[in-house]
PDB file of all heavy atoms in Angstrom:
ATOM      1  N   SER A   1      17.571  -3.742   7.763  1.00  0.00           N
ATOM      2  CA  SER A   1      18.182  -2.729   6.896  1.00  0.00           C
ATOM      3  C   SER A   1      18.437  -3.187   5.467  1.00  0.00           C
ATOM      4  O   SER A   1      18.980  -2.424   4.680  1.00  0.00           O
ATOM      5  CB  SER A   1      19.492  -2.195   7.499  1.00  0.00           C
ATOM      6  OG  SER A   1      19.204  -1.556   8.729  1.00  0.00           O
ATOM      7  N   GLU A   2      18.062  -4.408   5.086  1.00  0.00           N
ATOM      8  CA  GLU A   2      18.177  -4.839   3.687  1.00  0.00           C
ATOM      9  C   GLU A   2      16.853  -4.552   2.980  1.00  0.00           C
ATOM     10  O   GLU A   2      16.204  -5.442   2.444  1.00  0.00           O
ATOM     11  CB  GLU A   2      18.542  -6.323   3.585  1.00  0.00           C
ATOM     12  CG  GLU A   2      19.947  -6.626   4.019  1.00  0.00           C
ATOM     13  CD  GLU A   2      20.366  -8.071   3.779  1.00  0.00           C
ATOM     14  OE1 GLU A   2      19.538  -8.908   3.340  1.00  0.00           O
ATOM     15  OE2 GLU A   2      21.538  -8.383   4.043  1.00  0.00           O
ATOM     16  N   ASN A   3      16.454  -3.290   2.990  1.00  0.00           N
ATOM     17  CA  ASN A   3      15.159  -2.881   2.447  1.00  0.00           C
ATOM     18  C   ASN A   3      14.987  -3.320   0.996  1.00  0.00           C
ATOM     19  O   ASN A   3      15.883  -3.133   0.183  1.00  0.00           O
ATOM     20  CB  ASN A   3      14.994  -1.373   2.552  1.00  0.00           C
ATOM     21  CG  ASN A   3      14.986  -0.913   3.991  1.00  0.00           C
ATOM     22  OD1 ASN A   3      15.673  -1.462   4.848  1.00  0.00           O
ATOM     23  ND2 ASN A   3      14.215   0.111   4.278  1.00  0.00           N
ATOM     24  N   GLY A   4      13.819  -3.894   0.703  1.00  0.00           N
ATOM     25  CA  GLY A   4      13.495  -4.320  -0.650  1.00  0.00           C
ATOM     26  C   GLY A   4      14.106  -5.650  -1.047  1.00  0.00           C
ATOM     27  O   GLY A   4      13.895  -6.118  -2.156  1.00  0.00           O
ATOM     28  N   ILE A   5      14.860  -6.265  -0.144  1.00  0.00           N
ATOM     29  CA  ILE A   5      15.552  -7.526  -0.440  1.00  0.00           C
ATOM     30  C   ILE A   5      15.188  -8.576   0.606  1.00  0.00           C
ATOM     31  O   ILE A   5      15.060  -8.266   1.789  1.00  0.00           O
ATOM     32  CB  ILE A   5      17.082  -7.310  -0.447  1.00  0.00           C
ATOM     33  CG1 ILE A   5      17.469  -6.337  -1.553  1.00  0.00           C
ATOM     34  CG2 ILE A   5      17.837  -8.628  -0.589  1.00  0.00           C
ATOM     35  CD1 ILE A   5      18.913  -5.899  -1.513  1.00  0.00           C
ATOM     36  N   VAL A   6      15.031  -9.802   0.166  1.00  0.00           N
ATOM     37  CA  VAL A   6      14.864 -10.950   1.063  1.00  0.00           C
ATOM     38  C   VAL A   6      15.840 -12.028   0.609  1.00  0.00           C
ATOM     39  O   VAL A   6      16.355 -11.991  -0.512  1.00  0.00           O
ATOM     40  CB  VAL A   6      13.419 -11.504   1.059  1.00  0.00           C
ATOM     41  CG1 VAL A   6      12.439 -10.464   1.571  1.00  0.00           C
ATOM     42  CG2 VAL A   6      13.023 -11.985  -0.318  1.00  0.00           C
ATOM     43  N   ARG A   7      16.089 -12.976   1.474  1.00  0.00           N
ATOM     44  CA  ARG A   7      16.954 -14.104   1.136  1.00  0.00           C
ATOM     45  C   ARG A   7      16.089 -15.354   1.036  1.00  0.00           C
ATOM     46  O   ARG A   7      15.434 -15.730   2.008  1.00  0.00           O
ATOM     47  CB  ARG A   7      18.043 -14.274   2.182  1.00  0.00           C
ATOM     48  CG  ARG A   7      18.939 -13.046   2.294  1.00  0.00           C
ATOM     49  CD  ARG A   7      19.954 -13.178   3.392  1.00  0.00           C
ATOM     50  NE  ARG A   7      20.680 -11.908   3.560  1.00  0.00           N
ATOM     51  CZ  ARG A   7      21.717 -11.768   4.348  1.00  0.00           C
ATOM     52  NH1 ARG A   7      22.175 -12.792   5.049  1.00  0.00           N
ATOM     53  NH2 ARG A   7      22.307 -10.596   4.445  1.00  0.00           N
ATOM     54  N   VAL A   8      16.076 -15.962  -0.131  1.00  0.00           N
ATOM     55  CA  VAL A   8      15.305 -17.180  -0.358  1.00  0.00           C
ATOM     56  C   VAL A   8      16.304 -18.317  -0.511  1.00  0.00           C
ATOM     57  O   VAL A   8      17.100 -18.316  -1.456  1.00  0.00           O
ATOM     58  CB  VAL A   8      14.408 -17.060  -1.614  1.00  0.00           C
ATOM     59  CG1 VAL A   8      13.652 -18.362  -1.844  1.00  0.00           C
ATOM     60  CG2 VAL A   8      13.452 -15.885  -1.480  1.00  0.00           C
ATOM     61  N   ASN A   9      16.281 -19.240   0.444  1.00  0.00           N
ATOM     62  CA  ASN A   9      17.258 -20.334   0.478  1.00  0.00           C
ATOM     63  C   ASN A   9      18.687 -19.792   0.336  1.00  0.00           C
ATOM     64  O   ASN A   9      19.484 -20.279  -0.442  1.00  0.00           O
ATOM     65  CB  ASN A   9      16.956 -21.385  -0.590  1.00  0.00           C
ATOM     66  CG  ASN A   9      15.632 -22.078  -0.328  1.00  0.00           C
ATOM     67  OD1 ASN A   9      15.196 -22.210   0.811  1.00  0.00           O
ATOM     68  ND2 ASN A   9      14.988 -22.512  -1.388  1.00  0.00           N
ATOM     69  N   ASN A  10      18.975 -18.738   1.102  1.00  0.00           N
ATOM     70  CA  ASN A  10      20.294 -18.080   1.175  1.00  0.00           C
ATOM     71  C   ASN A  10      20.699 -17.316  -0.081  1.00  0.00           C
ATOM     72  O   ASN A  10      21.855 -16.940  -0.226  1.00  0.00           O
ATOM     73  CB  ASN A  10      21.394 -19.070   1.560  1.00  0.00           C
ATOM     74  CG  ASN A  10      21.277 -19.495   3.001  1.00  0.00           C
ATOM     75  OD1 ASN A  10      20.929 -18.693   3.858  1.00  0.00           O
ATOM     76  ND2 ASN A  10      21.554 -20.748   3.276  1.00  0.00           N
ATOM     77  N   ARG A  11      19.784 -17.066  -0.993  1.00  0.00           N
ATOM     78  CA  ARG A  11      20.079 -16.253  -2.187  1.00  0.00           C
ATOM     79  C   ARG A  11      19.302 -14.945  -2.090  1.00  0.00           C
ATOM     80  O   ARG A  11      18.086 -14.958  -1.904  1.00  0.00           O
ATOM     81  CB  ARG A  11      19.705 -17.007  -3.453  1.00  0.00           C
ATOM     82  CG  ARG A  11      20.533 -18.292  -3.608  1.00  0.00           C
ATOM     83  CD  ARG A  11      20.282 -18.939  -4.907  1.00  0.00           C
ATOM     84  NE  ARG A  11      20.901 -18.113  -5.945  1.00  0.00           N
ATOM     85  CZ  ARG A  11      20.843 -18.394  -7.227  1.00  0.00           C
ATOM     86  NH1 ARG A  11      20.192 -19.458  -7.646  1.00  0.00           N
ATOM     87  NH2 ARG A  11      21.419 -17.603  -8.103  1.00  0.00           N
ATOM     88  N   ARG A  12      20.008 -13.843  -2.228  1.00  0.00           N
ATOM     89  CA  ARG A  12      19.366 -12.528  -2.148  1.00  0.00           C
ATOM     90  C   ARG A  12      18.468 -12.301  -3.357  1.00  0.00           C
ATOM     91  O   ARG A  12      18.877 -12.547  -4.485  1.00  0.00           O
ATOM     92  CB  ARG A  12      20.422 -11.435  -2.050  1.00  0.00           C
ATOM     93  CG  ARG A  12      21.173 -11.472  -0.722  1.00  0.00           C
ATOM     94  CD  ARG A  12      22.399 -10.580  -0.737  1.00  0.00           C
ATOM     95  NE  ARG A  12      22.118  -9.228  -1.163  1.00  0.00           N
ATOM     96  CZ  ARG A  12      22.124  -8.159  -0.377  1.00  0.00           C
ATOM     97  NH1 ARG A  12      22.404  -8.293   0.901  1.00  0.00           N
ATOM     98  NH2 ARG A  12      21.873  -6.972  -0.852  1.00  0.00           N
ATOM     99  N   SER A  13      17.255 -11.833  -3.095  1.00  0.00           N
ATOM    100  CA  SER A  13      16.281 -11.589  -4.160  1.00  0.00           C
ATOM    101  C   SER A  13      15.565 -10.279  -3.904  1.00  0.00           C
ATOM    102  O   SER A  13      15.288  -9.927  -2.760  1.00  0.00           O
ATOM    103  CB  SER A  13      15.253 -12.718  -4.205  1.00  0.00           C
ATOM    104  OG  SER A  13      15.864 -13.966  -4.411  1.00  0.00           O
ATOM    105  N   HIS A  14      15.255  -9.577  -4.975  1.00  0.00           N
ATOM    106  CA  HIS A  14      14.499  -8.325  -4.875  1.00  0.00           C
ATOM    107  C   HIS A  14      12.998  -8.631  -4.946  1.00  0.00           C
ATOM    108  O   HIS A  14      12.565  -9.541  -5.632  1.00  0.00           O
ATOM    109  CB  HIS A  14      14.890  -7.371  -6.012  1.00  0.00           C
ATOM    110  CG  HIS A  14      16.277  -6.841  -5.860  1.00  0.00           C
ATOM    111  ND1 HIS A  14      16.564  -5.720  -5.127  1.00  0.00           N
ATOM    112  CD2 HIS A  14      17.468  -7.292  -6.329  1.00  0.00           C
ATOM    113  CE1 HIS A  14      17.859  -5.495  -5.152  1.00  0.00           C
ATOM    114  NE2 HIS A  14      18.440  -6.444  -5.880  1.00  0.00           N
ATOM    115  N   LEU A  15      12.227  -7.829  -4.230  1.00  0.00           N
ATOM    116  CA  LEU A  15      10.768  -7.975  -4.223  1.00  0.00           C
ATOM    117  C   LEU A  15      10.171  -7.358  -5.472  1.00  0.00           C
ATOM    118  O   LEU A  15      10.763  -6.451  -6.036  1.00  0.00           O
ATOM    119  CB  LEU A  15      10.193  -7.302  -2.975  1.00  0.00           C
ATOM    120  CG  LEU A  15      10.660  -7.897  -1.652  1.00  0.00           C
ATOM    121  CD1 LEU A  15      10.138  -7.066  -0.497  1.00  0.00           C
ATOM    122  CD2 LEU A  15      10.223  -9.334  -1.507  1.00  0.00           C
ATOM    123  N   PRO A  16       9.002  -7.773  -5.897  1.00  0.00           N
ATOM    124  CA  PRO A  16       8.143  -8.847  -5.375  1.00  0.00           C
ATOM    125  C   PRO A  16       8.600 -10.225  -5.879  1.00  0.00           C
ATOM    126  O   PRO A  16       9.284 -10.325  -6.892  1.00  0.00           O
ATOM    127  CB  PRO A  16       6.762  -8.500  -5.929  1.00  0.00           C
ATOM    128  CG  PRO A  16       7.062  -7.798  -7.222  1.00  0.00           C
ATOM    129  CD  PRO A  16       8.360  -7.057  -7.004  1.00  0.00           C
ATOM    130  N   ILE A  17       8.172 -11.256  -5.143  1.00  0.00           N
ATOM    131  CA  ILE A  17       8.535 -12.636  -5.471  1.00  0.00           C
ATOM    132  C   ILE A  17       7.316 -13.526  -5.256  1.00  0.00           C
ATOM    133  O   ILE A  17       6.558 -13.345  -4.306  1.00  0.00           O
ATOM    134  CB  ILE A  17       9.667 -13.151  -4.572  1.00  0.00           C
ATOM    135  CG1 ILE A  17      10.892 -12.242  -4.640  1.00  0.00           C
ATOM    136  CG2 ILE A  17      10.057 -14.576  -4.929  1.00  0.00           C
ATOM    137  CD1 ILE A  17      11.927 -12.552  -3.584  1.00  0.00           C
ATOM    138  N   SER A  18       7.168 -14.508  -6.117  1.00  0.00           N
ATOM    139  CA  SER A  18       6.157 -15.553  -5.966  1.00  0.00           C
ATOM    140  C   SER A  18       6.904 -16.885  -5.871  1.00  0.00           C
ATOM    141  O   SER A  18       7.767 -17.167  -6.702  1.00  0.00           O
ATOM    142  CB  SER A  18       5.202 -15.556  -7.158  1.00  0.00           C
ATOM    143  OG  SER A  18       4.247 -16.583  -7.024  1.00  0.00           O
ATOM    144  N   LEU A  19       6.584 -17.694  -4.853  1.00  0.00           N
ATOM    145  CA  LEU A  19       7.282 -18.958  -4.620  1.00  0.00           C
ATOM    146  C   LEU A  19       6.292 -20.111  -4.521  1.00  0.00           C
ATOM    147  O   LEU A  19       5.101 -19.893  -4.269  1.00  0.00           O
ATOM    148  CB  LEU A  19       8.092 -18.881  -3.317  1.00  0.00           C
ATOM    149  CG  LEU A  19       9.127 -17.758  -3.214  1.00  0.00           C
ATOM    150  CD1 LEU A  19       9.622 -17.636  -1.789  1.00  0.00           C
ATOM    151  CD2 LEU A  19      10.271 -18.013  -4.175  1.00  0.00           C
ATOM    152  N   ALA A  20       6.804 -21.332  -4.650  1.00  0.00           N
ATOM    153  CA  ALA A  20       6.010 -22.558  -4.487  1.00  0.00           C
ATOM    154  C   ALA A  20       4.755 -22.519  -5.353  1.00  0.00           C
ATOM    155  O   ALA A  20       3.646 -22.716  -4.874  1.00  0.00           O
ATOM    156  CB  ALA A  20       5.651 -22.783  -3.011  1.00  0.00           C
ATOM    157  N   GLN A  21       4.931 -22.253  -6.631  1.00  0.00           N
ATOM    158  CA  GLN A  21       3.834 -22.175  -7.600  1.00  0.00           C
ATOM    159  C   GLN A  21       2.732 -21.215  -7.137  1.00  0.00           C
ATOM    160  O   GLN A  21       1.538 -21.486  -7.270  1.00  0.00           O
ATOM    161  CB  GLN A  21       3.234 -23.558  -7.869  1.00  0.00           C
ATOM    162  CG  GLN A  21       4.147 -24.526  -8.591  1.00  0.00           C
ATOM    163  CD  GLN A  21       5.143 -25.188  -7.642  1.00  0.00           C
ATOM    164  OE1 GLN A  21       4.775 -25.611  -6.564  1.00  0.00           O
ATOM    165  NE2 GLN A  21       6.387 -25.268  -8.056  1.00  0.00           N
ATOM    166  N   GLY A  22       3.143 -20.075  -6.575  1.00  0.00           N
ATOM    167  CA  GLY A  22       2.194 -19.052  -6.171  1.00  0.00           C
ATOM    168  C   GLY A  22       1.613 -19.225  -4.776  1.00  0.00           C
ATOM    169  O   GLY A  22       0.821 -18.396  -4.335  1.00  0.00           O
ATOM    170  N   LYS A  23       2.014 -20.260  -4.049  1.00  0.00           N
ATOM    171  CA  LYS A  23       1.483 -20.485  -2.698  1.00  0.00           C
ATOM    172  C   LYS A  23       2.044 -19.505  -1.671  1.00  0.00           C
ATOM    173  O   LYS A  23       1.477 -19.318  -0.612  1.00  0.00           O
ATOM    174  CB  LYS A  23       1.778 -21.916  -2.245  1.00  0.00           C
ATOM    175  CG  LYS A  23       1.047 -22.970  -3.039  1.00  0.00           C
ATOM    176  CD  LYS A  23       1.435 -24.341  -2.541  1.00  0.00           C
ATOM    177  CE  LYS A  23       0.777 -25.429  -3.369  1.00  0.00           C
ATOM    178  NZ  LYS A  23       1.199 -26.764  -2.913  1.00  0.00           N
ATOM    179  N   VAL A  24       3.186 -18.881  -2.004  1.00  0.00           N
ATOM    180  CA  VAL A  24       3.811 -17.901  -1.115  1.00  0.00           C
ATOM    181  C   VAL A  24       4.096 -16.647  -1.936  1.00  0.00           C
ATOM    182  O   VAL A  24       4.740 -16.717  -2.982  1.00  0.00           O
ATOM    183  CB  VAL A  24       5.127 -18.445  -0.499  1.00  0.00           C
ATOM    184  CG1 VAL A  24       5.738 -17.415   0.439  1.00  0.00           C
ATOM    185  CG2 VAL A  24       4.893 -19.771   0.219  1.00  0.00           C
ATOM    186  N   GLN A  25       3.603 -15.524  -1.451  1.00  0.00           N
ATOM    187  CA  GLN A  25       3.778 -14.239  -2.139  1.00  0.00           C
ATOM    188  C   GLN A  25       4.544 -13.290  -1.220  1.00  0.00           C
ATOM    189  O   GLN A  25       4.197 -13.162  -0.041  1.00  0.00           O
ATOM    190  CB  GLN A  25       2.421 -13.622  -2.478  1.00  0.00           C
ATOM    191  CG  GLN A  25       1.557 -14.466  -3.383  1.00  0.00           C
ATOM    192  CD  GLN A  25       2.074 -14.483  -4.803  1.00  0.00           C
ATOM    193  OE1 GLN A  25       2.578 -13.493  -5.310  1.00  0.00           O
ATOM    194  NE2 GLN A  25       1.956 -15.635  -5.455  1.00  0.00           N
ATOM    195  N   LEU A  26       5.552 -12.628  -1.754  1.00  0.00           N
ATOM    196  CA  LEU A  26       6.325 -11.643  -1.008  1.00  0.00           C
ATOM    197  C   LEU A  26       6.262 -10.324  -1.763  1.00  0.00           C
ATOM    198  O   LEU A  26       6.472 -10.295  -2.979  1.00  0.00           O
ATOM    199  CB  LEU A  26       7.785 -12.067  -0.879  1.00  0.00           C
ATOM    200  CG  LEU A  26       8.067 -13.314  -0.055  1.00  0.00           C
ATOM    201  CD1 LEU A  26       7.950 -14.559  -0.888  1.00  0.00           C
ATOM    202  CD2 LEU A  26       9.433 -13.236   0.560  1.00  0.00           C
ATOM    203  N   GLN A  27       5.978  -9.253  -1.040  1.00  0.00           N
ATOM    204  CA  GLN A  27       5.892  -7.945  -1.673  1.00  0.00           C
ATOM    205  C   GLN A  27       6.247  -6.867  -0.675  1.00  0.00           C
ATOM    206  O   GLN A  27       6.198  -7.090   0.535  1.00  0.00           O
ATOM    207  CB  GLN A  27       4.488  -7.701  -2.230  1.00  0.00           C
ATOM    208  CG  GLN A  27       3.420  -7.619  -1.133  1.00  0.00           C
ATOM    209  CD  GLN A  27       2.009  -7.597  -1.685  1.00  0.00           C
ATOM    210  OE1 GLN A  27       1.628  -8.486  -2.411  1.00  0.00           O
ATOM    211  NE2 GLN A  27       1.261  -6.569  -1.315  1.00  0.00           N
ATOM    212  N   GLN A  28       6.607  -5.704  -1.188  1.00  0.00           N
ATOM    213  CA  GLN A  28       6.851  -4.570  -0.322  1.00  0.00           C
ATOM    214  C   GLN A  28       5.529  -3.865  -0.108  1.00  0.00           C
ATOM    215  O   GLN A  28       4.763  -3.647  -1.041  1.00  0.00           O
ATOM    216  CB  GLN A  28       7.881  -3.628  -0.933  1.00  0.00           C
ATOM    217  CG  GLN A  28       8.299  -2.556   0.032  1.00  0.00           C
ATOM    218  CD  GLN A  28       9.676  -2.007  -0.234  1.00  0.00           C
ATOM    219  OE1 GLN A  28      10.431  -2.568  -1.028  1.00  0.00           O
ATOM    220  NE2 GLN A  28      10.015  -0.918   0.417  1.00  0.00           N
ATOM    221  N   LYS A  29       5.262  -3.556   1.156  1.00  0.00           N
ATOM    222  CA  LYS A  29       4.044  -2.837   1.507  1.00  0.00           C
ATOM    223  C   LYS A  29       4.474  -1.643   2.356  1.00  0.00           C
ATOM    224  O   LYS A  29       4.812  -1.808   3.515  1.00  0.00           O
ATOM    225  CB  LYS A  29       3.086  -3.742   2.274  1.00  0.00           C
ATOM    226  CG  LYS A  29       1.765  -3.094   2.557  1.00  0.00           C
ATOM    227  CD  LYS A  29       0.756  -4.066   3.097  1.00  0.00           C
ATOM    228  CE  LYS A  29      -0.564  -3.361   3.281  1.00  0.00           C
ATOM    229  NZ  LYS A  29      -1.615  -4.232   3.687  1.00  0.00           N
ATOM    230  N   GLY A  30       4.516  -0.471   1.722  1.00  0.00           N
ATOM    231  CA  GLY A  30       5.041   0.704   2.408  1.00  0.00           C
ATOM    232  C   GLY A  30       6.508   0.495   2.717  1.00  0.00           C
ATOM    233  O   GLY A  30       7.294   0.138   1.842  1.00  0.00           O
ATOM    234  N   LYS A  31       6.881   0.651   3.978  1.00  0.00           N
ATOM    235  CA  LYS A  31       8.274   0.459   4.395  1.00  0.00           C
ATOM    236  C   LYS A  31       8.511  -0.931   4.954  1.00  0.00           C
ATOM    237  O   LYS A  31       9.507  -1.164   5.635  1.00  0.00           O
ATOM    238  CB  LYS A  31       8.645   1.508   5.432  1.00  0.00           C
ATOM    239  CG  LYS A  31       8.636   2.915   4.887  1.00  0.00           C
ATOM    240  CD  LYS A  31       9.056   3.913   5.930  1.00  0.00           C
ATOM    241  CE  LYS A  31       9.077   5.314   5.347  1.00  0.00           C
ATOM    242  NZ  LYS A  31       9.529   6.299   6.320  1.00  0.00           N
ATOM    243  N   SER A  32       7.613  -1.869   4.670  1.00  0.00           N
ATOM    244  CA  SER A  32       7.717  -3.227   5.217  1.00  0.00           C
ATOM    245  C   SER A  32       7.654  -4.268   4.117  1.00  0.00           C
ATOM    246  O   SER A  32       7.252  -3.977   2.993  1.00  0.00           O
ATOM    247  CB  SER A  32       6.571  -3.489   6.201  1.00  0.00           C
ATOM    248  OG  SER A  32       6.607  -2.582   7.278  1.00  0.00           O
ATOM    249  N   VAL A  33       8.035  -5.486   4.477  1.00  0.00           N
ATOM    250  CA  VAL A  33       7.867  -6.623   3.582  1.00  0.00           C
ATOM    251  C   VAL A  33       6.674  -7.421   4.099  1.00  0.00           C
ATOM    252  O   VAL A  33       6.510  -7.602   5.306  1.00  0.00           O
ATOM    253  CB  VAL A  33       9.139  -7.509   3.505  1.00  0.00           C
ATOM    254  CG1 VAL A  33       9.561  -8.017   4.869  1.00  0.00           C
ATOM    255  CG2 VAL A  33       8.931  -8.674   2.547  1.00  0.00           C
ATOM    256  N   LEU A  34       5.830  -7.864   3.189  1.00  0.00           N
ATOM    257  CA  LEU A  34       4.658  -8.661   3.525  1.00  0.00           C
ATOM    258  C   LEU A  34       4.804 -10.028   2.867  1.00  0.00           C
ATOM    259  O   LEU A  34       5.008 -10.111   1.656  1.00  0.00           O
ATOM    260  CB  LEU A  34       3.378  -7.982   3.036  1.00  0.00           C
ATOM    261  CG  LEU A  34       2.085  -8.782   3.183  1.00  0.00           C
ATOM    262  CD1 LEU A  34       1.761  -9.050   4.655  1.00  0.00           C
ATOM    263  CD2 LEU A  34       0.924  -8.058   2.500  1.00  0.00           C
ATOM    264  N   ILE A  35       4.702 -11.072   3.682  1.00  0.00           N
ATOM    265  CA  ILE A  35       4.728 -12.448   3.182  1.00  0.00           C
ATOM    266  C   ILE A  35       3.352 -13.029   3.429  1.00  0.00           C
ATOM    267  O   ILE A  35       2.828 -12.959   4.552  1.00  0.00           O
ATOM    268  CB  ILE A  35       5.790 -13.305   3.900  1.00  0.00           C
ATOM    269  CG1 ILE A  35       7.186 -12.750   3.628  1.00  0.00           C
ATOM    270  CG2 ILE A  35       5.733 -14.748   3.449  1.00  0.00           C
ATOM    271  CD1 ILE A  35       7.716 -11.957   4.759  1.00  0.00           C
ATOM    272  N   LYS A  36       2.731 -13.567   2.377  1.00  0.00           N
ATOM    273  CA  LYS A  36       1.400 -14.179   2.488  1.00  0.00           C
ATOM    274  C   LYS A  36       1.463 -15.584   1.910  1.00  0.00           C
ATOM    275  O   LYS A  36       2.096 -15.810   0.879  1.00  0.00           O
ATOM    276  CB  LYS A  36       0.359 -13.378   1.706  1.00  0.00           C
ATOM    277  CG  LYS A  36       0.158 -11.978   2.192  1.00  0.00           C
ATOM    278  CD  LYS A  36      -1.014 -11.289   1.529  1.00  0.00           C
ATOM    279  CE  LYS A  36      -0.799 -11.092   0.046  1.00  0.00           C
ATOM    280  NZ  LYS A  36      -1.840 -10.285  -0.599  1.00  0.00           N
ATOM    281  N   THR A  37       0.769 -16.524   2.577  1.00  0.00           N
ATOM    282  CA  THR A  37       0.696 -17.887   2.051  1.00  0.00           C
ATOM    283  C   THR A  37      -0.736 -18.194   1.623  1.00  0.00           C
ATOM    284  O   THR A  37      -1.669 -17.477   2.000  1.00  0.00           O
ATOM    285  CB  THR A  37       1.123 -18.927   3.109  1.00  0.00           C
ATOM    286  OG1 THR A  37       0.129 -18.968   4.137  1.00  0.00           O
ATOM    287  CG2 THR A  37       2.497 -18.611   3.681  1.00  0.00           C
ATOM    288  N   ASP A  38      -0.884 -19.290   0.900  1.00  0.00           N
ATOM    289  CA  ASP A  38      -2.211 -19.700   0.450  1.00  0.00           C
ATOM    290  C   ASP A  38      -3.101 -20.164   1.592  1.00  0.00           C
ATOM    291  O   ASP A  38      -4.311 -20.243   1.443  1.00  0.00           O
ATOM    292  CB  ASP A  38      -2.096 -20.790  -0.618  1.00  0.00           C
ATOM    293  CG  ASP A  38      -1.431 -22.052  -0.105  1.00  0.00           C
ATOM    294  OD1 ASP A  38      -0.659 -21.998   0.881  1.00  0.00           O
ATOM    295  OD2 ASP A  38      -1.667 -23.118  -0.699  1.00  0.00           O
TER     296      ASP A  38
END
C-alpha cells in the first residue's frame, strides 16, 4: 500500500530511482514497482 514509494536502506524514496551507478533501476510499471539489475 505504499504505492509509488520504496525504502532504500530504510529511507523512503519516490520512484523512479537509479542505484549503484545505474546497475539497479526502479520504476513504476502500471500499478506495480519493477526492479531491474544489470
